[in-house]
Amino acid sequence: MKSIQAILVQIQVWKDTKGQDLIEYALMAGFVAVAAGAIMPGVSENISQIFSKVASSMGSAAAQGS
């Protein structure tokens, strides 16, 4: 009985697509930022600083979570 429940949980996890839209939008924003940095060299410094801040925020959040 437990193995059937475990299989059902795994199926539900694979079918869950709630976070997919958020990831797609984040990737699209990243691509737009990279394209803007390539087209406008003056903007690339600001984009680099923003990505660095996001990376450090995510790193500290991951450290707090574990």
N, C-alpha and C. Protein backbone atom coordinates (compact mmCIF):
# COMPACT_ATOMS: atom_id res chain seq x y z
N MET A 1 0.82 -1.20 0.00
CA MET A 1 0.00 0.00 0.00
C MET A 1 0.87 1.26 0.00
N LYS A 2 1.95 1.23 0.77
CA LYS A 2 2.82 2.40 0.82
C LYS A 2 3.50 2.65 -0.53
N SER A 3 3.84 1.59 -1.23
CA SER A 3 4.49 1.79 -2.53
C SER A 3 3.54 2.42 -3.54
N ILE A 4 2.25 2.08 -3.46
CA ILE A 4 1.27 2.69 -4.36
C ILE A 4 1.14 4.17 -4.05
N GLN A 5 1.12 4.53 -2.77
CA GLN A 5 1.03 5.93 -2.39
C GLN A 5 2.27 6.69 -2.84
N ALA A 6 3.43 6.07 -2.71
CA ALA A 6 4.67 6.72 -3.14
C ALA A 6 4.66 6.96 -4.64
N ILE A 7 4.15 6.00 -5.39
CA ILE A 7 4.07 6.17 -6.85
C ILE A 7 3.09 7.28 -7.20
N LEU A 8 1.96 7.34 -6.50
CA LEU A 8 0.99 8.40 -6.77
C LEU A 8 1.57 9.78 -6.46
N VAL A 9 2.33 9.89 -5.39
CA VAL A 9 2.97 11.17 -5.04
C VAL A 9 3.97 11.57 -6.12
N GLN A 10 4.75 10.61 -6.61
CA GLN A 10 5.71 10.91 -7.67
C GLN A 10 5.01 11.37 -8.94
N ILE A 11 3.90 10.77 -9.27
CA ILE A 11 3.15 11.17 -10.46
C ILE A 11 2.62 12.60 -10.29
N GLN A 12 2.13 12.91 -9.10
CA GLN A 12 1.62 14.26 -8.85
C GLN A 12 2.73 15.30 -8.94
N VAL A 13 3.92 14.95 -8.47
CA VAL A 13 5.05 15.89 -8.53
C VAL A 13 5.43 16.14 -9.99
N TRP A 14 5.45 15.09 -10.80
CA TRP A 14 5.82 15.26 -12.21
C TRP A 14 4.78 16.06 -12.98
N LYS A 15 3.52 15.99 -12.59
CA LYS A 15 2.47 16.72 -13.28
C LYS A 15 2.34 18.16 -12.81
N ASP A 16 2.94 18.50 -11.69
CA ASP A 16 2.82 19.85 -11.13
C ASP A 16 3.60 20.84 -11.99
N THR A 17 2.93 21.86 -12.48
CA THR A 17 3.56 22.86 -13.35
C THR A 17 3.39 24.27 -12.81
N LYS A 18 3.13 24.42 -11.53
CA LYS A 18 2.86 25.74 -10.96
C LYS A 18 4.06 26.68 -11.08
N GLY A 19 5.26 26.20 -10.89
CA GLY A 19 6.43 27.07 -10.92
C GLY A 19 7.03 27.25 -12.30
N GLN A 20 6.49 26.56 -13.28
CA GLN A 20 7.04 26.60 -14.62
C GLN A 20 6.95 27.99 -15.23
N ASP A 21 5.83 28.67 -15.07
CA ASP A 21 5.66 30.00 -15.64
C ASP A 21 6.67 30.99 -15.07
N LEU A 22 6.87 30.92 -13.76
CA LEU A 22 7.81 31.83 -13.11
C LEU A 22 9.23 31.63 -13.66
N ILE A 23 9.62 30.39 -13.83
CA ILE A 23 10.95 30.10 -14.36
C ILE A 23 11.08 30.61 -15.79
N GLU A 24 10.04 30.40 -16.59
CA GLU A 24 10.09 30.88 -17.97
C GLU A 24 10.21 32.40 -18.04
N TYR A 25 9.47 33.10 -17.20
CA TYR A 25 9.56 34.56 -17.19
C TYR A 25 10.94 35.02 -16.71
N ALA A 26 11.50 34.34 -15.74
CA ALA A 26 12.84 34.71 -15.26
C ALA A 26 13.88 34.49 -16.34
N LEU A 27 13.78 33.38 -17.07
CA LEU A 27 14.72 33.14 -18.17
C LEU A 27 14.57 34.18 -19.27
N MET A 28 13.35 34.53 -19.58
CA MET A 28 13.11 35.54 -20.62
C MET A 28 13.69 36.89 -20.19
N ALA A 29 13.50 37.27 -18.93
CA ALA A 29 14.07 38.52 -18.44
C ALA A 29 15.59 38.50 -18.50
N GLY A 30 16.18 37.35 -18.20
CA GLY A 30 17.63 37.21 -18.30
C GLY A 30 18.12 37.36 -19.73
N PHE A 31 17.41 36.76 -20.67
CA PHE A 31 17.80 36.89 -22.08
C PHE A 31 17.69 38.33 -22.57
N VAL A 32 16.64 39.01 -22.14
CA VAL A 32 16.47 40.41 -22.52
C VAL A 32 17.60 41.26 -21.93
N ALA A 33 17.97 40.97 -20.69
CA ALA A 33 19.06 41.73 -20.06
C ALA A 33 20.39 41.49 -20.77
N VAL A 34 20.64 40.26 -21.16
CA VAL A 34 21.89 39.95 -21.88
C VAL A 34 21.90 40.64 -23.24
N ALA A 35 20.76 40.61 -23.94
CA ALA A 35 20.68 41.28 -25.24
C ALA A 35 20.87 42.78 -25.09
N ALA A 36 20.27 43.38 -24.06
CA ALA A 36 20.43 44.82 -23.83
C ALA A 36 21.88 45.14 -23.51
N GLY A 37 22.54 44.29 -22.76
CA GLY A 37 23.95 44.52 -22.45
C GLY A 37 24.83 44.41 -23.68
N ALA A 38 24.47 43.52 -24.60
CA ALA A 38 25.26 43.37 -25.82
C ALA A 38 25.05 44.55 -26.77
N ILE A 39 23.83 45.07 -26.80
CA ILE A 39 23.52 46.17 -27.71
C ILE A 39 24.02 47.51 -27.16
N MET A 40 23.86 47.71 -25.85
CA MET A 40 24.23 48.99 -25.23
C MET A 40 25.33 48.74 -24.20
N PRO A 41 26.57 48.94 -24.56
CA PRO A 41 27.68 48.65 -23.64
C PRO A 41 27.63 49.41 -22.33
N GLY A 42 27.05 50.59 -22.30
CA GLY A 42 26.96 51.37 -21.07
C GLY A 42 26.04 50.73 -20.04
N VAL A 43 25.10 49.94 -20.51
CA VAL A 43 24.13 49.30 -19.62
C VAL A 43 24.69 48.02 -19.03
N SER A 44 25.68 47.43 -19.69
CA SER A 44 26.20 46.13 -19.25
C SER A 44 26.78 46.18 -17.84
N GLU A 45 27.37 47.29 -17.44
CA GLU A 45 27.92 47.41 -16.08
C GLU A 45 26.80 47.35 -15.05
N ASN A 46 25.70 48.05 -15.30
CA ASN A 46 24.57 48.03 -14.37
C ASN A 46 23.94 46.64 -14.30
N ILE A 47 23.82 45.99 -15.44
CA ILE A 47 23.24 44.64 -15.47
C ILE A 47 24.12 43.69 -14.68
N SER A 48 25.41 43.81 -14.83
CA SER A 48 26.34 42.96 -14.10
C SER A 48 26.20 43.16 -12.59
N GLN A 49 26.05 44.39 -12.16
CA GLN A 49 25.88 44.68 -10.73
C GLN A 49 24.57 44.08 -10.21
N ILE A 50 23.51 44.18 -11.00
CA ILE A 50 22.22 43.63 -10.58
C ILE A 50 22.30 42.11 -10.44
N PHE A 51 22.91 41.44 -11.42
CA PHE A 51 23.05 39.99 -11.34
C PHE A 51 23.91 39.58 -10.15
N SER A 52 24.93 40.36 -9.84
CA SER A 52 25.78 40.06 -8.69
C SER A 52 24.98 40.18 -7.39
N LYS A 53 24.15 41.21 -7.29
CA LYS A 53 23.31 41.38 -6.09
C LYS A 53 22.32 40.24 -5.95
N VAL A 54 21.71 39.84 -7.06
CA VAL A 54 20.75 38.73 -7.02
C VAL A 54 21.45 37.44 -6.61
N ALA A 55 22.62 37.19 -7.17
CA ALA A 55 23.36 35.98 -6.84
C ALA A 55 23.76 35.94 -5.36
N SER A 56 24.19 37.08 -4.82
CA SER A 56 24.57 37.10 -3.41
C SER A 56 23.35 36.94 -2.51
N SER A 57 22.22 37.52 -2.92
CA SER A 57 20.97 37.35 -2.15
C SER A 57 20.52 35.90 -2.14
N MET A 58 20.61 35.26 -3.29
CA MET A 58 20.20 33.86 -3.37
C MET A 58 21.16 32.96 -2.58
N GLY A 59 22.44 33.30 -2.60
CA GLY A 59 23.41 32.53 -1.83
C GLY A 59 23.18 32.63 -0.34
N SER A 60 22.88 33.83 0.12
CA SER A 60 22.63 33.99 1.56
C SER A 60 21.30 33.34 1.96
N ALA A 61 20.30 33.38 1.07
CA ALA A 61 19.02 32.73 1.37
C ALA A 61 19.19 31.21 1.42
N ALA A 62 20.01 30.68 0.53
CA ALA A 62 20.26 29.24 0.53
C ALA A 62 21.02 28.81 1.77
N ALA A 63 21.94 29.65 2.22
CA ALA A 63 22.71 29.34 3.44
C ALA A 63 21.82 29.35 4.66
N GLN A 64 20.84 30.25 4.69
CA GLN A 64 19.91 30.30 5.84
C GLN A 64 18.96 29.14 5.84
N GLY A 65 18.62 28.64 4.65
CA GLY A 65 17.66 27.55 4.56
C GLY A 65 18.24 26.20 4.95
N SER A 66 19.53 26.06 4.89
CA SER A 66 20.12 24.74 5.20
C SER A 66 20.68 24.67 6.58
